[in-house]
């Protein structure tokens, strides 16, 4: 898989990682500037710009990464749902001896008949 194809497929993870790196860089630059300033009044601009901006970028990066993970989980659950619905349709078709109409499964999975064991 090429780099461009990877970035297109995983844009949210790439953007999240870029935001985290930019946030860390902003915090390090802010810390370096604050540590060289003697007076607290000279430190405030660096705290506001680099500190708050760096924390904001870290939060955006973490949110994008979490969003990518949740999207993967939903895709996995959709695949499982499709397999369960296909298995249910084949099981009902075997029990009824005829294929199920497409409108029967379009509304969602039909319940499986309950079998009582004696």
C-alpha atoms as a PDB file:
ATOM      1  CA  UNK A   1       0.000   0.000   0.000  1.00  0.00           C
ATOM      2  CA  UNK A   2       1.458   3.328  -1.027  1.00  0.00           C
ATOM      3  CA  UNK A   3       1.763   6.285   1.280  1.00  0.00           C
ATOM      4  CA  UNK A   4      -0.895   8.342  -0.502  1.00  0.00           C
ATOM      5  CA  UNK A   5      -3.327   5.428  -0.472  1.00  0.00           C
ATOM      6  CA  UNK A   6      -2.660   4.885   3.237  1.00  0.00           C
ATOM      7  CA  UNK A   7      -3.291   8.581   3.985  1.00  0.00           C
ATOM      8  CA  UNK A   8      -6.560   8.497   2.032  1.00  0.00           C
ATOM      9  CA  UNK A   9      -7.732   5.350   3.799  1.00  0.00           C
ATOM     10  CA  UNK A  10      -6.632   6.424   7.280  1.00  0.00           C
ATOM     11  CA  UNK A  11      -7.034  10.197   7.048  1.00  0.00           C
ATOM     12  CA  UNK A  12      -8.396  10.553  10.564  1.00  0.00           C
ATOM     13  CA  UNK A  13      -5.521   8.628  12.149  1.00  0.00           C
ATOM     14  CA  UNK A  14      -2.965  10.595  10.140  1.00  0.00           C
ATOM     15  CA  UNK A  15      -4.619  13.897  11.099  1.00  0.00           C
ATOM     16  CA  UNK A  16      -4.831  12.778  14.727  1.00  0.00           C
ATOM     17  CA  UNK A  17      -1.157  11.835  14.823  1.00  0.00           C
ATOM     18  CA  UNK A  18      -0.211  15.140  13.151  1.00  0.00           C
ATOM     19  CA  UNK A  19      -2.256  17.092  15.718  1.00  0.00           C
ATOM     20  CA  UNK A  20      -0.641  15.209  18.604  1.00  0.00           C
ATOM     21  CA  UNK A  21       2.862  15.840  17.221  1.00  0.00           C
ATOM     22  CA  UNK A  22       2.039  19.527  16.639  1.00  0.00           C
ATOM     23  CA  UNK A  23       0.641  19.781  20.173  1.00  0.00           C
ATOM     24  CA  UNK A  24       3.767  18.253  21.698  1.00  0.00           C
ATOM     25  CA  UNK A  25       5.955  20.579  19.639  1.00  0.00           C
ATOM     26  CA  UNK A  26       3.889  23.594  20.740  1.00  0.00           C
ATOM     27  CA  UNK A  27       4.184  22.555  24.403  1.00  0.00           C
ATOM     28  CA  UNK A  28       7.958  22.027  24.131  1.00  0.00           C
ATOM     29  CA  UNK A  29       8.446  25.377  22.368  1.00  0.00           C
ATOM     30  CA  UNK A  30       6.260  27.080  24.970  1.00  0.00           C
ATOM     31  CA  UNK A  31       8.186  25.465  27.803  1.00  0.00           C
ATOM     32  CA  UNK A  32      11.502  26.543  26.276  1.00  0.00           C
ATOM     33  CA  UNK A  33      10.284  30.138  25.933  1.00  0.00           C
ATOM     34  CA  UNK A  34       8.770  30.226  29.432  1.00  0.00           C
ATOM     35  CA  UNK A  35      11.907  28.800  31.023  1.00  0.00           C
ATOM     36  CA  UNK A  36      14.032  31.553  29.496  1.00  0.00           C
ATOM     37  CA  UNK A  37      11.703  34.362  30.669  1.00  0.00           C
ATOM     38  CA  UNK A  38      12.517  35.769  34.096  1.00  0.00           C
ATOM     39  CA  UNK A  39       9.362  37.724  34.899  1.00  0.00           C
ATOM     40  CA  UNK A  40       5.919  36.091  35.130  1.00  0.00           C
ATOM     41  CA  UNK A  41       4.423  38.836  32.988  1.00  0.00           C
ATOM     42  CA  UNK A  42       6.761  37.796  30.178  1.00  0.00           C
ATOM     43  CA  UNK A  43       5.682  34.158  30.553  1.00  0.00           C
ATOM     44  CA  UNK A  44       1.939  34.707  30.084  1.00  0.00           C
ATOM     45  CA  UNK A  45       1.960  35.093  26.283  1.00  0.00           C
ATOM     46  CA  UNK A  46       3.815  31.795  25.892  1.00  0.00           C
ATOM     47  CA  UNK A  47       1.521  30.031  28.351  1.00  0.00           C
ATOM     48  CA  UNK A  48      -1.550  31.266  26.531  1.00  0.00           C
ATOM     49  CA  UNK A  49      -0.397  30.675  22.972  1.00  0.00           C
ATOM     50  CA  UNK A  50       1.735  27.554  23.270  1.00  0.00           C
ATOM     51  CA  UNK A  51       0.248  25.990  26.392  1.00  0.00           C
ATOM     52  CA  UNK A  52      -3.431  26.312  25.551  1.00  0.00           C
ATOM     53  CA  UNK A  53      -2.828  25.764  21.838  1.00  0.00           C
ATOM     54  CA  UNK A  54      -0.744  22.657  22.519  1.00  0.00           C
ATOM     55  CA  UNK A  55      -3.368  21.201  24.843  1.00  0.00           C
ATOM     56  CA  UNK A  56      -6.071  21.956  22.278  1.00  0.00           C
ATOM     57  CA  UNK A  57      -4.094  20.166  19.557  1.00  0.00           C
ATOM     58  CA  UNK A  58      -3.537  17.174  21.846  1.00  0.00           C
ATOM     59  CA  UNK A  59      -7.287  16.988  22.503  1.00  0.00           C
ATOM     60  CA  UNK A  60      -8.160  17.232  18.808  1.00  0.00           C
ATOM     61  CA  UNK A  61      -5.602  14.538  17.967  1.00  0.00           C
ATOM     62  CA  UNK A  62      -6.927  12.183  20.632  1.00  0.00           C
ATOM     63  CA  UNK A  63     -10.498  12.764  19.463  1.00  0.00           C
ATOM     64  CA  UNK A  64      -9.607  12.039  15.834  1.00  0.00           C
ATOM     65  CA  UNK A  65      -7.777   8.849  16.810  1.00  0.00           C
ATOM     66  CA  UNK A  66     -10.704   7.695  18.956  1.00  0.00           C
ATOM     67  CA  UNK A  67     -13.094   8.479  16.113  1.00  0.00           C
ATOM     68  CA  UNK A  68     -11.030   6.288  13.775  1.00  0.00           C
ATOM     69  CA  UNK A  69     -11.096   3.422  16.268  1.00  0.00           C
ATOM     70  CA  UNK A  70     -14.856   3.722  16.712  1.00  0.00           C
ATOM     71  CA  UNK A  71     -15.366   3.772  12.938  1.00  0.00           C
ATOM     72  CA  UNK A  72     -13.383   0.539  12.668  1.00  0.00           C
ATOM     73  CA  UNK A  73     -15.472  -1.053  15.411  1.00  0.00           C
ATOM     74  CA  UNK A  74     -18.730  -0.031  13.705  1.00  0.00           C
ATOM     75  CA  UNK A  75     -17.482  -1.447  10.406  1.00  0.00           C
ATOM     76  CA  UNK A  76     -16.652  -4.706  12.172  1.00  0.00           C
ATOM     77  CA  UNK A  77     -20.078  -4.824  13.830  1.00  0.00           C
ATOM     78  CA  UNK A  78     -21.795  -4.151  10.495  1.00  0.00           C
ATOM     79  CA  UNK A  79     -19.940  -7.105   8.992  1.00  0.00           C
ATOM     80  CA  UNK A  80     -21.010  -9.329  11.871  1.00  0.00           C
ATOM     81  CA  UNK A  81     -24.607  -8.172  11.505  1.00  0.00           C
ATOM     82  CA  UNK A  82     -24.588  -8.998   7.792  1.00  0.00           C
ATOM     83  CA  UNK A  83     -23.207 -12.482   8.470  1.00  0.00           C
ATOM     84  CA  UNK A  84     -25.801 -13.149  11.177  1.00  0.00           C
ATOM     85  CA  UNK A  85     -28.610 -11.941   8.914  1.00  0.00           C
ATOM     86  CA  UNK A  86     -27.368 -14.140   6.054  1.00  0.00           C
ATOM     87  CA  UNK A  87     -27.113 -17.141   8.358  1.00  0.00           C
ATOM     88  CA  UNK A  88     -30.595 -16.462   9.725  1.00  0.00           C
ATOM     89  CA  UNK A  89     -32.030 -16.150   6.214  1.00  0.00           C
ATOM     90  CA  UNK A  90     -30.458 -19.439   5.122  1.00  0.00           C
ATOM     91  CA  UNK A  91     -31.694 -21.166   8.272  1.00  0.00           C
ATOM     92  CA  UNK A  92     -35.246 -19.900   7.768  1.00  0.00           C
ATOM     93  CA  UNK A  93     -35.093 -20.875   4.094  1.00  0.00           C
ATOM     94  CA  UNK A  94     -34.029 -24.403   5.083  1.00  0.00           C
ATOM     95  CA  UNK A  95     -36.853 -24.696   7.592  1.00  0.00           C
ATOM     96  CA  UNK A  96     -39.527 -23.338   5.263  1.00  0.00           C
ATOM     97  CA  UNK A  97     -38.226 -25.169   2.209  1.00  0.00           C
ATOM     98  CA  UNK A  98     -38.498 -22.092   0.064  1.00  0.00           C
ATOM     99  CA  UNK A  99     -36.454 -18.932  -0.339  1.00  0.00           C
ATOM    100  CA  UNK A 100     -37.365 -15.901   1.723  1.00  0.00           C
ATOM    101  CA  UNK A 101     -38.581 -12.858  -0.190  1.00  0.00           C
ATOM    102  CA  UNK A 102     -36.228  -9.866  -0.257  1.00  0.00           C
ATOM    103  CA  UNK A 103     -38.820  -7.713   1.513  1.00  0.00           C
ATOM    104  CA  UNK A 104     -38.756 -10.049   4.497  1.00  0.00           C
ATOM    105  CA  UNK A 105     -35.120  -9.321   5.291  1.00  0.00           C
ATOM    106  CA  UNK A 106     -35.047  -5.676   4.189  1.00  0.00           C
ATOM    107  CA  UNK A 107     -36.884  -4.608   7.357  1.00  0.00           C
ATOM    108  CA  UNK A 108     -34.418  -6.428   9.552  1.00  0.00           C
ATOM    109  CA  UNK A 109     -33.801  -9.947  10.743  1.00  0.00           C
ATOM    110  CA  UNK A 110     -36.825 -12.080  11.395  1.00  0.00           C
ATOM    111  CA  UNK A 111     -36.991 -13.957  14.691  1.00  0.00           C
ATOM    112  CA  UNK A 112     -35.999 -17.597  14.717  1.00  0.00           C
ATOM    113  CA  UNK A 113     -38.814 -19.921  15.798  1.00  0.00           C
ATOM    114  CA  UNK A 114     -38.389 -21.230  19.345  1.00  0.00           C
ATOM    115  CA  UNK A 115     -37.883 -24.955  19.641  1.00  0.00           C
ATOM    116  CA  UNK A 116     -38.756 -26.593  22.935  1.00  0.00           C
ATOM    117  CA  UNK A 117     -36.707 -29.574  23.935  1.00  0.00           C
ATOM    118  CA  UNK A 118     -38.558 -32.395  25.663  1.00  0.00           C
END
